[in-house]
Structures are given as C-alpha cells and as structure tokens.
Protein backbone atom coordinates (compact mmCIF):
# COMPACT_ATOMS: atom_id res chain seq x y z
CA MET A 1 123.22 127.41 41.79
CA PRO A 2 119.92 126.65 41.17
CA SER A 3 120.66 122.42 41.38
CA VAL A 4 122.21 123.66 45.44
CA ASN A 5 119.48 124.94 46.08
CA PHE A 6 117.29 121.92 45.32
CA ILE A 7 119.14 119.99 46.72
CA CYS A 8 119.73 121.89 50.05
CA HIS A 9 115.89 121.54 50.12
CA ASN A 10 115.88 118.22 49.60
CA PHE A 11 117.82 117.81 52.49
CA PHE A 12 115.17 119.92 54.28
CA VAL A 13 112.43 118.29 53.64
CA ALA A 14 114.19 114.79 54.09
CA VAL A 15 115.33 116.02 58.38
CA SER A 16 111.77 117.55 58.70
CA PHE A 17 110.12 114.75 57.95
CA VAL A 18 112.23 112.30 60.44
CA ALA A 19 111.91 115.39 63.27
CA CYS A 20 108.19 115.09 62.35
CA ILE A 21 108.42 111.83 63.53
CA ILE A 22 110.40 112.35 66.40
CA GLY A 23 107.78 115.11 67.28
CA LEU A 24 104.66 112.33 67.03
CA PHE A 25 106.29 110.09 69.43
CA LEU A 26 107.16 112.17 71.86
CA LEU A 27 103.67 114.02 71.78
CA TRP A 28 101.97 110.63 71.46
CA ASP A 29 100.46 110.09 75.61
CA ASN A 30 97.87 107.99 77.05
CA LYS A 31 97.94 110.37 80.38
CA GLN A 32 94.43 112.68 79.49
CA GLN A 33 95.34 116.26 79.92
CA LYS A 34 94.38 118.62 82.76
CA ASN A 35 92.51 121.23 81.50
CA ASP A 36 90.61 122.19 77.82
CA ALA A 37 93.45 124.54 77.47
CA ASP A 38 95.95 122.14 77.71
CA ALA A 39 94.39 119.25 75.23
CA THR A 40 93.44 122.26 72.64
CA GLU A 41 97.63 122.99 72.62
CA ALA A 42 98.72 119.62 72.59
CA ILE A 43 96.30 119.15 69.83
CA LEU A 44 97.29 121.99 67.98
CA PHE A 45 101.19 120.52 68.24
CA ARG A 46 99.84 117.21 66.95
CA MET A 47 98.34 118.72 63.80
CA THR A 48 101.22 120.96 63.10
CA PHE A 49 103.22 117.74 63.08
CA CYS A 50 101.13 115.64 61.13
CA TYR A 51 100.53 118.37 58.15
CA TRP A 52 104.13 119.27 57.99
CA LEU A 53 104.54 115.07 57.19
CA VAL A 54 102.33 114.83 54.88
CA TYR A 55 104.17 118.05 52.97
CA CYS A 56 106.95 115.82 53.39
CA VAL A 57 105.97 112.61 52.24
CA ALA A 58 103.72 114.44 48.86
CA PHE A 59 107.06 116.46 48.01
CA GLY A 60 108.70 113.47 48.54
CA ILE A 61 106.37 111.29 46.37
CA GLU A 62 106.39 114.11 43.63
CA LYS A 63 109.71 114.70 42.95
CA LEU A 64 111.11 111.22 43.61
CA ILE A 65 108.64 108.35 42.24
CA PHE A 66 106.39 110.66 39.32
CA PRO A 67 107.80 112.95 37.55
CA HIS A 68 106.13 112.76 34.84
CA TRP A 69 102.61 111.24 35.11
CA GLU A 70 100.76 114.71 34.87
CA ALA A 71 97.57 113.82 36.83
CA ILE A 72 99.10 112.36 39.84
CA HIS A 73 102.06 115.13 39.63
CA MET A 74 99.16 117.88 39.74
CA THR A 75 96.96 115.90 42.71
CA LEU A 76 100.50 115.65 44.10
CA ARG A 77 100.81 119.81 43.98
CA ILE A 78 97.97 120.42 45.61
CA THR A 79 98.03 118.46 48.47
CA THR A 80 102.02 119.54 49.23
CA ALA A 81 100.08 123.83 48.90
CA LEU A 82 97.36 122.42 51.09
CA SER A 83 98.75 120.61 53.45
CA TYR A 84 101.66 123.64 53.93
CA PHE A 85 99.19 126.42 54.41
CA LEU A 86 96.94 123.65 56.95
CA THR A 87 100.80 123.80 58.86
CA PHE A 88 100.90 127.30 58.50
CA SER A 89 97.75 127.92 59.95
CA CYS A 90 98.18 125.35 63.23
CA ILE A 91 101.40 127.37 64.20
CA VAL A 92 99.69 130.78 64.08
CA SER A 93 96.85 129.52 66.28
CA LEU A 94 98.90 128.18 68.91
CA PRO A 95 100.31 131.91 70.22
CA LEU A 96 96.22 133.16 69.23
CA HIS A 97 95.30 130.43 71.63
CA LYS A 98 97.54 131.32 74.33
CA PHE A 99 96.73 135.00 73.79
CA ALA A 100 92.78 133.34 74.31
CA VAL A 101 93.58 131.36 76.93
CA ARG A 102 95.34 134.50 79.08
CA GLN A 103 92.58 136.93 78.20
CA VAL A 104 90.02 134.56 79.83
CA GLU A 105 91.93 134.24 83.20
CA GLU A 106 92.48 137.52 83.55
C-alpha cells in the first residue's frame, strides 16, 4: 500500500509541475497593472507558482537522480521544505492582501 501512495504523490508532483509552468505562462504579461493592489496580487500568484515549481524540481531531483548521496540529499530536502513553506505563506497571503485592500477602500 505505501508504494501506491508514493506513485500517486509522484504523479501529483509531475502534474503540478506542468500546471505551474502553464500558470506562469498565463500570468506572464507585459502590461502595467492599474494599481498597486493588482500588481501585488499578480506578484503573489507568480511567487506561489515559482516556489511550487522549485518544490517540484527539488523533489524530482531528490527522488530520481541522487537517492544515495547524503550531502546533496539533505540539501534537496531542506530546499523542498523551504519552498513548501514559502508556497504556503504566499497562498495564505493572497486572501489577507485582498482583505487589507478592502479595508483600506472602506
């Protein structure tokens, strides 16, 4: 049963890697934002996708290429943990930013 969960997680990471690239491509525009709130929201979305992309790459390298090299393995584990927490903080910051902008407007 644990091998099924491992394969499922690997599949999820691979699909989310592709989704992050598509998301960054969709967010990439050369237009200037109307105001600071829109610019901040776009930056938070880009940061979320970039941090998750770093997580996917580090996870893939950790699982596929260097399973027995301890120094690189530990560095990749730290990178995956930091990028995971940075992604989480960006996701939490999005609704907080919207709430703060709404409070200023009122």
